Amino acid sequence: MQTPQDQRVWGLKPLAKRLKGRGKPHKVVIIAIARRLVTIANAILKTGETWRTQPR
């Protein structure tokens, strides 16, 4: 069962688990998560919307 903290990460935890399951090195997982966060931040800035803890 997911905790409220797990639900706020916009799918980052499942991404990390999936990459680790494929045997990717830790640094690759961290870079993938950072890239996803940058993409989310860029979309928020581009659209001018406010931050939501849950995606639509």
C-alpha atoms as a PDB file:
ATOM      1  CA  MET A   1       0.000   0.000   0.000  1.00  0.00           C
ATOM      2  CA  GLN A   2       1.260   3.444  -0.897  1.00  0.00           C
ATOM      3  CA  THR A   3       1.753   6.056   1.757  1.00  0.00           C
ATOM      4  CA  PRO A   4       0.824   9.691   1.100  1.00  0.00           C
ATOM      5  CA  GLN A   5       4.525  10.417   0.643  1.00  0.00           C
ATOM      6  CA  ASP A   6       4.785   7.806  -2.120  1.00  0.00           C
ATOM      7  CA  GLN A   7       1.794   9.317  -3.890  1.00  0.00           C
ATOM      8  CA  ARG A   8       3.405  12.774  -4.058  1.00  0.00           C
ATOM      9  CA  VAL A   9       6.432  11.852  -6.109  1.00  0.00           C
ATOM     10  CA  TRP A  10       4.805  11.989  -9.567  1.00  0.00           C
ATOM     11  CA  GLY A  11       5.811   8.458 -10.470  1.00  0.00           C
ATOM     12  CA  LEU A  12       9.461   8.858  -9.548  1.00  0.00           C
ATOM     13  CA  LYS A  13       9.582   5.936  -7.134  1.00  0.00           C
ATOM     14  CA  PRO A  14       8.180   3.435  -9.659  1.00  0.00           C
ATOM     15  CA  LEU A  15      10.646   4.786 -12.229  1.00  0.00           C
ATOM     16  CA  ALA A  16      13.533   4.200  -9.828  1.00  0.00           C
ATOM     17  CA  LYS A  17      12.342   0.693  -8.974  1.00  0.00           C
ATOM     18  CA  ARG A  18      11.896  -0.171 -12.646  1.00  0.00           C
ATOM     19  CA  LEU A  19      15.393   1.025 -13.561  1.00  0.00           C
ATOM     20  CA  LYS A  20      16.977  -0.726 -10.577  1.00  0.00           C
ATOM     21  CA  GLY A  21      15.125  -3.901 -11.541  1.00  0.00           C
ATOM     22  CA  ARG A  22      16.723  -3.707 -14.978  1.00  0.00           C
ATOM     23  CA  GLY A  23      20.138  -3.569 -13.314  1.00  0.00           C
ATOM     24  CA  LYS A  24      20.939   0.075 -14.005  1.00  0.00           C
ATOM     25  CA  PRO A  25      23.677   1.662 -11.877  1.00  0.00           C
ATOM     26  CA  HIS A  26      22.625   4.006  -9.080  1.00  0.00           C
ATOM     27  CA  LYS A  27      23.974   7.095 -10.849  1.00  0.00           C
ATOM     28  CA  VAL A  28      21.906   6.332 -13.947  1.00  0.00           C
ATOM     29  CA  VAL A  29      18.778   6.060 -11.786  1.00  0.00           C
ATOM     30  CA  ILE A  30      19.538   9.394 -10.097  1.00  0.00           C
ATOM     31  CA  ILE A  31      20.092  11.128 -13.457  1.00  0.00           C
ATOM     32  CA  ALA A  32      16.822   9.712 -14.828  1.00  0.00           C
ATOM     33  CA  ILE A  33      14.936  11.039 -11.812  1.00  0.00           C
ATOM     34  CA  ALA A  34      16.641  14.442 -12.095  1.00  0.00           C
ATOM     35  CA  ARG A  35      15.722  14.602 -15.759  1.00  0.00           C
ATOM     36  CA  ARG A  36      12.085  13.806 -14.965  1.00  0.00           C
ATOM     37  CA  LEU A  37      12.044  16.567 -12.314  1.00  0.00           C
ATOM     38  CA  VAL A  38      13.514  19.089 -14.754  1.00  0.00           C
ATOM     39  CA  THR A  39      10.860  18.142 -17.308  1.00  0.00           C
ATOM     40  CA  ILE A  40       8.097  18.612 -14.727  1.00  0.00           C
ATOM     41  CA  ALA A  41       9.543  21.977 -13.626  1.00  0.00           C
ATOM     42  CA  ASN A  42       9.819  23.137 -17.238  1.00  0.00           C
ATOM     43  CA  ALA A  43       6.192  22.202 -17.929  1.00  0.00           C
ATOM     44  CA  ILE A  44       5.040  24.076 -14.830  1.00  0.00           C
ATOM     45  CA  LEU A  45       6.980  27.196 -15.827  1.00  0.00           C
ATOM     46  CA  LYS A  46       5.828  26.985 -19.444  1.00  0.00           C
ATOM     47  CA  THR A  47       2.132  26.697 -18.604  1.00  0.00           C
ATOM     48  CA  GLY A  48       2.218  29.087 -15.654  1.00  0.00           C
ATOM     49  CA  GLU A  49       0.256  26.661 -13.488  1.00  0.00           C
ATOM     50  CA  THR A  50       0.857  26.257  -9.788  1.00  0.00           C
ATOM     51  CA  TRP A  51       2.471  23.146  -8.336  1.00  0.00           C
ATOM     52  CA  ARG A  52       0.080  20.303  -7.513  1.00  0.00           C
ATOM     53  CA  THR A  53       1.070  17.327  -5.426  1.00  0.00           C
ATOM     54  CA  GLN A  54      -0.857  15.025  -7.780  1.00  0.00           C
ATOM     55  CA  PRO A  55      -0.774  15.131 -11.574  1.00  0.00           C
ATOM     56  CA  ARG A  56      -4.097  15.301 -13.373  1.00  0.00           C
END
